[in-house]
Amino acid sequence: MHSQQESLLTAMWRATGVTEHWLEKFGGSVDHASMANHLRISQGSLTNKVQTYKVFRVSDSTGSSWYPLWQLGYHADPVDGLTEVLVTLRRSPYIHSDWTKLRFFVETNPYLRMSLGLEVPITPVEALRFGYINEVVDSAQTYLSHGAT
C-alpha cells in the first residue's frame, strides 16, 4: 500500500473510532512518561527501546503517542517475541503506519489460528502471551505479503 493510501485509511480508521478501540483492547494504553514508569526506566531509555524495536509505540501525525499495555508481560517487561515481530513488520515497504501495525497485533488472525490448529480465533497478542513467537513472526510475514488492508 502506498503511504498516501495508508494515510487515508488511517484517517478513516480514526474517524470511525476504530483506532481508539484497538488502543483499548487488552488493557488500554499509556503515555510516554507512564510507560517509562511501568518499565522502571528513564524516558530517554524508553525512546531508545522504541528505536531498537524492544517496545511498541503508536504515534500519529499530530505528534501524540500511545504505548499499548498488552506489550507488557507479567513482570512489566516487554512480552517475549515482541522485538522479533516488530522487526518483521518493519521490513515491509508498504506498512509505515503504526496504526496498521497495531491492527496486526490486536485483530484476530486466520492464518495464525490455522497454523496453531485452533478452532477459535486468536490474535497475535494472545499468541505471544502463550509463547507462540515463531508462529506470530510467520503470521506477520504473511500479513506483509498478502497486504494489510
N, C-alpha and C. Protein backbone atom coordinates (compact mmCIF):
# COMPACT_ATOMS: atom_id res chain seq x y z
N MET A 1 0.85 -1.17 0.00
CA MET A 1 0.00 0.00 0.00
C MET A 1 0.89 1.23 0.00
N HIS A 2 0.59 2.18 -0.82
CA HIS A 2 1.35 3.42 -0.86
C HIS A 2 1.07 4.22 0.41
N SER A 3 2.05 5.01 0.84
CA SER A 3 1.90 5.75 2.09
C SER A 3 0.71 6.72 2.04
N GLN A 4 0.37 7.28 0.86
CA GLN A 4 -0.80 8.16 0.78
C GLN A 4 -2.07 7.36 1.02
N GLN A 5 -2.17 6.17 0.43
CA GLN A 5 -3.32 5.32 0.66
C GLN A 5 -3.40 4.90 2.12
N GLU A 6 -2.25 4.60 2.70
CA GLU A 6 -2.22 4.20 4.10
C GLU A 6 -2.66 5.36 4.98
N SER A 7 -2.25 6.58 4.64
CA SER A 7 -2.67 7.76 5.40
C SER A 7 -4.18 7.95 5.33
N LEU A 8 -4.75 7.76 4.16
CA LEU A 8 -6.21 7.88 4.02
C LEU A 8 -6.93 6.81 4.81
N LEU A 9 -6.42 5.60 4.77
CA LEU A 9 -7.01 4.51 5.53
C LEU A 9 -6.92 4.78 7.03
N THR A 10 -5.78 5.27 7.48
CA THR A 10 -5.61 5.61 8.89
C THR A 10 -6.59 6.71 9.30
N ALA A 11 -6.77 7.70 8.45
CA ALA A 11 -7.72 8.77 8.75
C ALA A 11 -9.13 8.21 8.87
N MET A 12 -9.49 7.28 7.99
CA MET A 12 -10.81 6.66 8.07
C MET A 12 -10.96 5.87 9.37
N TRP A 13 -9.93 5.11 9.73
CA TRP A 13 -9.99 4.34 10.98
C TRP A 13 -10.19 5.27 12.17
N ARG A 14 -9.45 6.37 12.19
CA ARG A 14 -9.57 7.33 13.31
C ARG A 14 -10.95 7.95 13.34
N ALA A 15 -11.49 8.33 12.17
CA ALA A 15 -12.79 8.97 12.11
C ALA A 15 -13.91 8.06 12.61
N THR A 16 -13.76 6.77 12.39
CA THR A 16 -14.80 5.84 12.81
C THR A 16 -14.60 5.33 14.24
N GLY A 17 -13.52 5.74 14.88
CA GLY A 17 -13.28 5.34 16.26
C GLY A 17 -12.60 4.00 16.42
N VAL A 18 -12.24 3.34 15.34
CA VAL A 18 -11.64 2.02 15.45
C VAL A 18 -10.25 2.08 16.08
N THR A 19 -9.51 3.16 15.87
CA THR A 19 -8.18 3.25 16.45
C THR A 19 -8.25 3.28 17.98
N GLU A 20 -9.25 3.97 18.51
CA GLU A 20 -9.41 4.00 19.97
C GLU A 20 -9.78 2.61 20.48
N HIS A 21 -10.60 1.91 19.71
CA HIS A 21 -10.96 0.53 20.07
C HIS A 21 -9.71 -0.35 20.13
N TRP A 22 -8.85 -0.22 19.12
CA TRP A 22 -7.63 -1.01 19.10
C TRP A 22 -6.73 -0.67 20.28
N LEU A 23 -6.66 0.61 20.65
CA LEU A 23 -5.82 1.01 21.78
C LEU A 23 -6.37 0.48 23.10
N GLU A 24 -7.67 0.34 23.20
CA GLU A 24 -8.28 -0.11 24.45
C GLU A 24 -8.25 -1.63 24.62
N LYS A 25 -8.11 -2.36 23.52
CA LYS A 25 -8.08 -3.83 23.61
C LYS A 25 -6.89 -4.28 24.46
N PHE A 26 -7.11 -5.26 25.27
CA PHE A 26 -6.06 -5.89 26.07
C PHE A 26 -5.43 -4.95 27.08
N GLY A 27 -6.22 -4.06 27.68
CA GLY A 27 -5.71 -3.28 28.80
C GLY A 27 -5.49 -1.81 28.58
N GLY A 28 -5.73 -1.30 27.39
CA GLY A 28 -5.59 0.13 27.15
C GLY A 28 -4.17 0.53 26.80
N SER A 29 -3.91 1.82 26.94
CA SER A 29 -2.60 2.36 26.59
C SER A 29 -2.25 3.50 27.54
N VAL A 30 -0.98 3.86 27.54
CA VAL A 30 -0.50 4.94 28.40
C VAL A 30 0.42 5.86 27.59
N ASP A 31 0.71 7.01 28.17
CA ASP A 31 1.61 7.96 27.52
C ASP A 31 3.07 7.58 27.79
N HIS A 32 3.98 8.38 27.25
CA HIS A 32 5.42 8.10 27.32
C HIS A 32 5.92 8.01 28.77
N ALA A 33 5.58 9.00 29.57
CA ALA A 33 6.07 9.02 30.96
C ALA A 33 5.54 7.82 31.75
N SER A 34 4.27 7.49 31.54
CA SER A 34 3.68 6.35 32.26
C SER A 34 4.31 5.03 31.85
N MET A 35 4.62 4.88 30.56
CA MET A 35 5.26 3.64 30.12
C MET A 35 6.65 3.52 30.70
N ALA A 36 7.38 4.63 30.74
CA ALA A 36 8.71 4.61 31.35
C ALA A 36 8.60 4.17 32.82
N ASN A 37 7.59 4.65 33.51
CA ASN A 37 7.37 4.25 34.90
C ASN A 37 7.05 2.77 35.01
N HIS A 38 6.19 2.27 34.11
CA HIS A 38 5.85 0.84 34.12
C HIS A 38 7.10 -0.02 33.95
N LEU A 39 7.99 0.42 33.07
CA LEU A 39 9.20 -0.35 32.79
C LEU A 39 10.33 -0.07 33.77
N ARG A 40 10.13 0.93 34.63
CA ARG A 40 11.12 1.33 35.63
C ARG A 40 12.41 1.79 34.96
N ILE A 41 12.26 2.61 33.91
CA ILE A 41 13.40 3.16 33.18
C ILE A 41 13.16 4.65 32.94
N SER A 42 14.20 5.34 32.52
CA SER A 42 14.06 6.76 32.20
C SER A 42 13.31 6.92 30.88
N GLN A 43 12.80 8.12 30.66
CA GLN A 43 12.10 8.40 29.41
C GLN A 43 13.05 8.30 28.21
N GLY A 44 14.30 8.69 28.40
CA GLY A 44 15.30 8.55 27.34
C GLY A 44 15.57 7.09 27.00
N SER A 45 15.62 6.26 28.03
CA SER A 45 15.82 4.82 27.79
C SER A 45 14.62 4.23 27.05
N LEU A 46 13.43 4.72 27.36
CA LEU A 46 12.23 4.24 26.66
C LEU A 46 12.31 4.61 25.18
N THR A 47 12.72 5.81 24.88
CA THR A 47 12.88 6.23 23.49
C THR A 47 13.87 5.31 22.78
N ASN A 48 14.96 4.95 23.44
CA ASN A 48 15.93 4.02 22.86
C ASN A 48 15.30 2.65 22.62
N LYS A 49 14.48 2.17 23.55
CA LYS A 49 13.82 0.87 23.37
C LYS A 49 12.87 0.88 22.18
N VAL A 50 12.20 2.00 21.96
CA VAL A 50 11.32 2.12 20.80
C VAL A 50 12.15 2.06 19.52
N GLN A 51 13.25 2.79 19.49
CA GLN A 51 14.10 2.85 18.29
C GLN A 51 14.78 1.53 17.98
N THR A 52 14.94 0.67 18.99
CA THR A 52 15.58 -0.63 18.79
C THR A 52 14.55 -1.78 18.78
N TYR A 53 13.27 -1.43 18.62
CA TYR A 53 12.18 -2.39 18.45
C TYR A 53 11.97 -3.30 19.66
N LYS A 54 12.24 -2.78 20.84
CA LYS A 54 12.00 -3.54 22.06
C LYS A 54 10.68 -3.15 22.73
N VAL A 55 10.15 -2.00 22.32
CA VAL A 55 8.86 -1.50 22.82
C VAL A 55 8.12 -0.91 21.63
N PHE A 56 6.81 -1.12 21.60
CA PHE A 56 5.97 -0.63 20.51
C PHE A 56 5.26 0.66 20.92
N ARG A 57 5.43 1.67 20.09
CA ARG A 57 4.77 2.97 20.30
C ARG A 57 3.91 3.26 19.08
N VAL A 58 2.71 3.77 19.33
CA VAL A 58 1.83 4.21 18.25
C VAL A 58 1.85 5.73 18.27
N SER A 59 2.27 6.31 17.15
CA SER A 59 2.32 7.77 17.02
C SER A 59 1.42 8.18 15.87
N ASP A 60 0.90 9.40 15.95
CA ASP A 60 0.11 9.90 14.84
C ASP A 60 0.73 11.18 14.28
N SER A 61 0.10 11.73 13.28
CA SER A 61 0.66 12.89 12.59
C SER A 61 0.66 14.15 13.44
N THR A 62 -0.07 14.15 14.56
CA THR A 62 -0.09 15.32 15.43
C THR A 62 1.03 15.29 16.45
N GLY A 63 1.77 14.19 16.50
CA GLY A 63 2.85 14.05 17.48
C GLY A 63 2.42 13.34 18.75
N SER A 64 1.15 12.96 18.84
CA SER A 64 0.68 12.20 20.00
C SER A 64 1.19 10.77 19.92
N SER A 65 1.47 10.21 21.10
CA SER A 65 1.96 8.83 21.16
C SER A 65 1.26 8.06 22.25
N TRP A 66 1.08 6.77 21.99
CA TRP A 66 0.48 5.87 22.96
C TRP A 66 1.30 4.59 23.00
N TYR A 67 1.31 3.97 24.16
CA TYR A 67 2.00 2.70 24.36
C TYR A 67 0.97 1.68 24.83
N PRO A 68 0.61 0.73 23.97
CA PRO A 68 -0.36 -0.29 24.38
C PRO A 68 0.19 -1.12 25.55
N LEU A 69 -0.65 -1.33 26.54
CA LEU A 69 -0.21 -2.09 27.72
C LEU A 69 -0.12 -3.59 27.48
N TRP A 70 -0.75 -4.09 26.43
CA TRP A 70 -0.68 -5.52 26.15
C TRP A 70 0.75 -5.99 25.90
N GLN A 71 1.64 -5.07 25.56
CA GLN A 71 3.01 -5.48 25.25
C GLN A 71 3.84 -5.79 26.51
N LEU A 72 3.26 -5.55 27.66
CA LEU A 72 3.97 -5.83 28.91
C LEU A 72 3.61 -7.22 29.43
N GLY A 73 4.64 -7.95 29.84
CA GLY A 73 4.43 -9.28 30.41
C GLY A 73 4.09 -9.18 31.89
N TYR A 74 4.19 -10.29 32.56
CA TYR A 74 3.79 -10.38 33.96
C TYR A 74 4.63 -9.54 34.90
N HIS A 75 5.88 -9.31 34.57
CA HIS A 75 6.77 -8.54 35.44
C HIS A 75 7.04 -7.15 34.88
N ALA A 76 6.10 -6.65 34.08
CA ALA A 76 6.19 -5.32 33.47
C ALA A 76 7.37 -5.19 32.50
N ASP A 77 7.83 -6.31 31.98
CA ASP A 77 8.84 -6.31 30.92
C ASP A 77 8.12 -6.55 29.59
N PRO A 78 8.68 -6.09 28.48
CA PRO A 78 8.04 -6.38 27.20
C PRO A 78 7.87 -7.89 27.00
N VAL A 79 6.74 -8.28 26.45
CA VAL A 79 6.40 -9.68 26.25
C VAL A 79 7.42 -10.32 25.31
N ASP A 80 7.77 -11.57 25.58
CA ASP A 80 8.72 -12.31 24.74
C ASP A 80 8.23 -12.34 23.30
N GLY A 81 9.14 -12.11 22.38
CA GLY A 81 8.83 -12.17 20.96
C GLY A 81 8.44 -10.84 20.33
N LEU A 82 8.20 -9.83 21.14
CA LEU A 82 7.78 -8.54 20.60
C LEU A 82 8.80 -7.98 19.62
N THR A 83 10.07 -8.01 19.99
CA THR A 83 11.11 -7.46 19.12
C THR A 83 11.14 -8.18 17.77
N GLU A 84 11.06 -9.49 17.79
CA GLU A 84 11.10 -10.25 16.54
C GLU A 84 9.94 -9.86 15.62
N VAL A 85 8.76 -9.68 16.19
CA VAL A 85 7.60 -9.32 15.39
C VAL A 85 7.73 -7.89 14.87
N LEU A 86 8.17 -6.97 15.72
CA LEU A 86 8.33 -5.58 15.28
C LEU A 86 9.36 -5.46 14.16
N VAL A 87 10.45 -6.20 14.27
CA VAL A 87 11.47 -6.19 13.21
C VAL A 87 10.88 -6.74 11.91
N THR A 88 10.09 -7.80 12.01
CA THR A 88 9.46 -8.37 10.82
C THR A 88 8.51 -7.36 10.18
N LEU A 89 7.68 -6.70 10.99
CA LEU A 89 6.75 -5.71 10.44
C LEU A 89 7.49 -4.52 9.83
N ARG A 90 8.63 -4.19 10.36
CA ARG A 90 9.41 -3.06 9.85
C ARG A 90 9.93 -3.32 8.43
N ARG A 91 10.11 -4.59 8.09
CA ARG A 91 10.68 -4.95 6.79
C ARG A 91 9.78 -4.62 5.61
N SER A 92 8.53 -4.35 5.87
CA SER A 92 7.59 -4.10 4.77
C SER A 92 7.81 -2.74 4.13
N PRO A 93 7.90 -2.71 2.80
CA PRO A 93 7.99 -1.42 2.13
C PRO A 93 6.62 -0.74 2.05
N TYR A 94 5.56 -1.45 2.47
CA TYR A 94 4.21 -0.94 2.33
C TYR A 94 3.58 -0.47 3.64
N ILE A 95 4.06 -1.00 4.75
CA ILE A 95 3.44 -0.69 6.04
C ILE A 95 4.31 0.32 6.76
N HIS A 96 3.84 1.54 6.83
CA HIS A 96 4.57 2.60 7.52
C HIS A 96 3.80 3.08 8.74
N SER A 97 2.51 2.89 8.73
CA SER A 97 1.65 3.40 9.79
C SER A 97 1.71 2.53 11.04
N ASP A 98 1.90 3.18 12.17
CA ASP A 98 1.85 2.46 13.44
C ASP A 98 0.47 1.85 13.66
N TRP A 99 -0.55 2.52 13.13
CA TRP A 99 -1.93 2.01 13.28
C TRP A 99 -2.10 0.68 12.56
N THR A 100 -1.48 0.53 11.41
CA THR A 100 -1.56 -0.73 10.68
C THR A 100 -0.85 -1.83 11.45
N LYS A 101 0.26 -1.49 12.07
CA LYS A 101 0.97 -2.46 12.91
C LYS A 101 0.13 -2.82 14.13
N LEU A 102 -0.49 -1.82 14.74
CA LEU A 102 -1.36 -2.09 15.90
C LEU A 102 -2.49 -3.02 15.50
N ARG A 103 -3.09 -2.75 14.34
CA ARG A 103 -4.17 -3.61 13.85
C ARG A 103 -3.70 -5.05 13.77
N PHE A 104 -2.50 -5.28 13.25
CA PHE A 104 -1.97 -6.64 13.16
C PHE A 104 -1.99 -7.32 14.53
N PHE A 105 -1.53 -6.64 15.54
CA PHE A 105 -1.41 -7.24 16.87
C PHE A 105 -2.75 -7.56 17.52
N VAL A 106 -3.76 -6.73 17.34
CA VAL A 106 -4.99 -6.85 18.16
C VAL A 106 -6.19 -7.45 17.45
N GLU A 107 -6.11 -7.63 16.15
CA GLU A 107 -7.23 -8.24 15.43
C GLU A 107 -6.97 -9.73 15.27
N THR A 108 -8.04 -10.53 15.25
CA THR A 108 -7.86 -11.96 15.06
C THR A 108 -7.21 -12.22 13.71
N ASN A 109 -6.44 -13.30 13.67
CA ASN A 109 -5.62 -13.60 12.51
C ASN A 109 -5.91 -15.03 12.05
N PRO A 110 -6.63 -15.19 10.93
CA PRO A 110 -6.98 -16.54 10.47
C PRO A 110 -5.77 -17.42 10.18
N TYR A 111 -4.71 -16.84 9.61
CA TYR A 111 -3.51 -17.63 9.33
C TYR A 111 -2.92 -18.18 10.63
N LEU A 112 -2.86 -17.35 11.65
CA LEU A 112 -2.32 -17.76 12.94
C LEU A 112 -3.18 -18.86 13.56
N ARG A 113 -4.48 -18.69 13.49
CA ARG A 113 -5.41 -19.71 14.01
C ARG A 113 -5.16 -21.04 13.33
N MET A 114 -5.05 -21.02 12.00
CA MET A 114 -4.84 -22.27 11.26
C MET A 114 -3.48 -22.87 11.56
N SER A 115 -2.44 -22.05 11.64
CA SER A 115 -1.10 -22.59 11.88
C SER A 115 -0.97 -23.21 13.28
N LEU A 116 -1.79 -22.73 14.21
CA LEU A 116 -1.78 -23.29 15.56
C LEU A 116 -2.77 -24.45 15.70
N GLY A 117 -3.58 -24.69 14.66
CA GLY A 117 -4.56 -25.78 14.71
C GLY A 117 -5.70 -25.52 15.67
N LEU A 118 -6.07 -24.24 15.82
CA LEU A 118 -7.13 -23.88 16.75
C LEU A 118 -8.48 -23.78 16.04
N GLU A 119 -9.54 -24.01 16.79
CA GLU A 119 -10.88 -23.84 16.25
C GLU A 119 -11.46 -22.49 16.59
N VAL A 120 -10.79 -21.77 17.48
CA VAL A 120 -11.30 -20.46 17.91
C VAL A 120 -10.34 -19.36 17.42
N PRO A 121 -10.86 -18.16 17.19
CA PRO A 121 -10.00 -17.06 16.75
C PRO A 121 -8.94 -16.72 17.80
N ILE A 122 -7.81 -16.22 17.32
CA ILE A 122 -6.74 -15.79 18.22
C ILE A 122 -6.05 -14.57 17.60
N THR A 123 -5.60 -13.68 18.46
CA THR A 123 -4.85 -12.50 18.00
C THR A 123 -3.36 -12.76 18.21
N PRO A 124 -2.51 -12.04 17.50
CA PRO A 124 -1.08 -12.15 17.75
C PRO A 124 -0.71 -11.81 19.21
N VAL A 125 -1.41 -10.85 19.82
CA VAL A 125 -1.13 -10.54 21.23
C VAL A 125 -1.34 -11.77 22.09
N GLU A 126 -2.46 -12.44 21.91
CA GLU A 126 -2.75 -13.63 22.71
C GLU A 126 -1.74 -14.74 22.43
N ALA A 127 -1.39 -14.92 21.17
CA ALA A 127 -0.43 -15.96 20.81
C ALA A 127 0.95 -15.70 21.42
N LEU A 128 1.38 -14.43 21.42
CA LEU A 128 2.66 -14.10 22.07
C LEU A 128 2.61 -14.42 23.56
N ARG A 129 1.50 -14.11 24.19
CA ARG A 129 1.36 -14.40 25.64
C ARG A 129 1.44 -15.89 25.93
N PHE A 130 1.01 -16.72 24.96
CA PHE A 130 1.10 -18.16 25.12
C PHE A 130 2.44 -18.72 24.67
N GLY A 131 3.33 -17.84 24.18
CA GLY A 131 4.67 -18.27 23.80
C GLY A 131 4.84 -18.71 22.36
N TYR A 132 3.87 -18.45 21.50
CA TYR A 132 3.95 -18.85 20.09
C TYR A 132 4.68 -17.79 19.26
N ILE A 133 5.92 -17.56 19.59
CA ILE A 133 6.69 -16.48 18.95
C ILE A 133 6.91 -16.75 17.47
N ASN A 134 7.41 -17.93 17.12
CA ASN A 134 7.68 -18.24 15.71
C ASN A 134 6.42 -18.18 14.87
N GLU A 135 5.31 -18.65 15.41
CA GLU A 135 4.06 -18.62 14.67
C GLU A 135 3.57 -17.20 14.44
N VAL A 136 3.79 -16.32 15.42
CA VAL A 136 3.38 -14.92 15.25
C VAL A 136 4.30 -14.24 14.23
N VAL A 137 5.59 -14.53 14.26
CA VAL A 137 6.50 -13.97 13.25
C VAL A 137 6.08 -14.45 11.86
N ASP A 138 5.76 -15.72 11.73
CA ASP A 138 5.31 -16.25 10.43
C ASP A 138 4.03 -15.55 9.99
N SER A 139 3.11 -15.33 10.92
CA SER A 139 1.85 -14.67 10.54
C SER A 139 2.10 -13.21 10.16
N ALA A 140 3.10 -12.56 10.78
CA ALA A 140 3.46 -11.20 10.40
C ALA A 140 4.01 -11.18 8.97
N GLN A 141 4.81 -12.18 8.62
CA GLN A 141 5.34 -12.25 7.26
C GLN A 141 4.20 -12.46 6.26
N THR A 142 3.23 -13.29 6.62
CA THR A 142 2.06 -13.50 5.75
C THR A 142 1.25 -12.22 5.64
N TYR A 143 1.09 -11.52 6.74
CA TYR A 143 0.37 -10.24 6.76
C TYR A 143 1.03 -9.25 5.80
N LEU A 144 2.33 -9.24 5.78
CA LEU A 144 3.06 -8.34 4.89
C LEU A 144 2.93 -8.75 3.42
N SER A 145 3.00 -10.05 3.17
CA SER A 145 2.99 -10.49 1.79
C SER A 145 1.60 -10.46 1.16
N HIS A 146 0.56 -10.53 1.99
CA HIS A 146 -0.80 -10.51 1.45
C HIS A 146 -1.49 -9.18 1.64
N GLY A 147 -0.76 -8.21 2.15
CA GLY A 147 -1.35 -6.89 2.32
C GLY A 147 -2.02 -6.76 3.66
N ALA A 148 -2.03 -5.55 4.16
CA ALA A 148 -2.56 -5.29 5.49
C ALA A 148 -3.90 -4.58 5.46
N THR A 149 -4.53 -4.51 4.32
CA THR A 149 -5.80 -3.81 4.25
C THR A 149 -6.95 -4.71 4.59
